[in-house]
Structure formats: structure tokens, C-alpha cells
């Protein structure tokens, strides 16, 4: 008999499954539309499996979310839930 299948194998249903490392980081920025300082936090991600020469290019950095109210930790929690 075969050992108990893992949850990931059951989710894959016979298809190939790959592991991809993702770097997620937050940056606090200001959106200066007027003379008022509008602080907000942006969250970005990039695939860590890419070579460094590709990761340093802006093209491979993906925007994920922004919020004037939630800090980076709160946004990370929401990303992990989704």
C-alpha cells in the first residue's frame, strides 16, 4: 500500500506542482498631491527564484497593495489570507 498522500498532492490532483519563493516588502511613501503630506504604505513582491540581475530591474517588481490607513504588517496579513 502507498503512504497517506499529502494535502498538496491531493490539491494538485496528479498535476505537477512547483515551489516559488516570493519576497514581499512594504515601503512607506508620501503622495504629495498638494502641499499636504499624504503618507501611505505600498506593498510590493518579486519572485526570489529569479537571478539577481533580473531582480534589480524594476520590470520584475510587482505592485501588490497600497493603503493610507493600514501599515505594512496589516497588509501582509491580508495578503497571506488571500
Protein backbone atom coordinates (compact mmCIF):
# COMPACT_ATOMS: atom_id res chain seq x y z
CA UNK A 1 0.00 0.00 0.00
CA UNK A 2 1.01 3.62 -0.53
CA UNK A 3 1.58 6.01 2.34
CA UNK A 4 -1.02 8.67 3.02
CA UNK A 5 -0.90 11.37 0.35
CA UNK A 6 -0.02 14.87 1.47
CA UNK A 7 -2.55 17.69 1.24
CA UNK A 8 -0.50 19.32 -1.52
CA UNK A 9 -0.60 16.17 -3.66
CA UNK A 10 -4.35 15.98 -3.16
CA UNK A 11 -4.71 19.63 -4.23
CA UNK A 12 -2.59 19.02 -7.35
CA UNK A 13 -4.78 16.08 -8.48
CA UNK A 14 -1.95 14.48 -10.45
CA UNK A 15 -0.66 17.72 -11.98
CA UNK A 16 2.87 19.00 -11.43
CA UNK A 17 3.36 21.35 -8.52
CA UNK A 18 6.16 23.90 -8.26
CA UNK A 19 7.55 25.85 -5.35
CA UNK A 20 8.32 29.51 -5.88
CA UNK A 21 9.92 31.74 -3.26
CA UNK A 22 8.33 35.18 -3.14
CA UNK A 23 9.86 38.24 -1.46
CA UNK A 24 7.26 40.64 -0.08
CA UNK A 25 8.17 44.05 1.33
CA UNK A 26 6.50 47.28 2.33
CA UNK A 27 7.53 50.88 1.76
CA UNK A 28 6.10 53.98 3.41
CA UNK A 29 5.81 56.78 0.86
CA UNK A 30 4.15 60.17 0.57
CA UNK A 31 1.60 61.03 -2.10
CA UNK A 32 2.14 64.74 -2.44
CA UNK A 33 -0.87 65.94 -4.48
CA UNK A 34 -0.94 69.33 -2.84
CA UNK A 35 1.17 70.93 -0.16
CA UNK A 36 -0.28 68.44 2.32
CA UNK A 37 1.73 65.34 3.23
CA UNK A 38 -0.33 62.20 2.41
CA UNK A 39 1.57 59.29 3.94
CA UNK A 40 0.63 55.78 2.79
CA UNK A 41 2.21 52.33 2.66
CA UNK A 42 2.82 50.37 -0.53
CA UNK A 43 3.46 46.62 -0.63
CA UNK A 44 5.43 45.00 -3.46
CA UNK A 45 6.58 41.49 -4.29
CA UNK A 46 9.15 39.81 -6.52
CA UNK A 47 9.92 36.17 -7.31
CA UNK A 48 13.08 35.31 -5.38
CA UNK A 49 13.91 32.43 -7.76
CA UNK A 50 14.97 34.93 -10.44
CA UNK A 51 18.67 35.75 -10.82
CA UNK A 52 19.86 38.92 -9.07
CA UNK A 53 20.44 40.74 -12.38
CA UNK A 54 16.69 40.35 -13.10
CA UNK A 55 15.54 41.19 -9.56
CA UNK A 56 17.34 44.52 -9.75
CA UNK A 57 15.21 45.53 -12.76
CA UNK A 58 12.02 47.43 -11.98
CA UNK A 59 10.13 45.30 -14.54
CA UNK A 60 10.25 42.25 -12.25
CA UNK A 61 8.94 44.08 -9.15
CA UNK A 62 5.16 43.73 -8.83
CA UNK A 63 2.86 46.15 -7.04
CA UNK A 64 0.54 44.38 -4.61
CA UNK A 65 -1.38 46.91 -2.49
CA UNK A 66 -1.46 50.40 -1.02
CA UNK A 67 -3.24 51.93 1.95
CA UNK A 68 -3.20 55.26 3.77
CA UNK A 69 -4.56 53.56 6.92
CA UNK A 70 -3.15 50.00 7.16
CA UNK A 71 0.53 49.55 7.94
CA UNK A 72 2.72 47.02 6.13
CA UNK A 73 2.07 44.28 8.72
CA UNK A 74 -1.70 44.57 8.35
CA UNK A 75 -1.39 44.41 4.57
CA UNK A 76 0.89 41.35 4.82
CA UNK A 77 -1.75 39.59 6.93
CA UNK A 78 -4.42 40.32 4.31
CA UNK A 79 -2.15 39.07 1.50
CA UNK A 80 -1.49 35.80 3.33
CA UNK A 81 -5.23 35.27 3.93
CA UNK A 82 -5.98 35.79 0.22
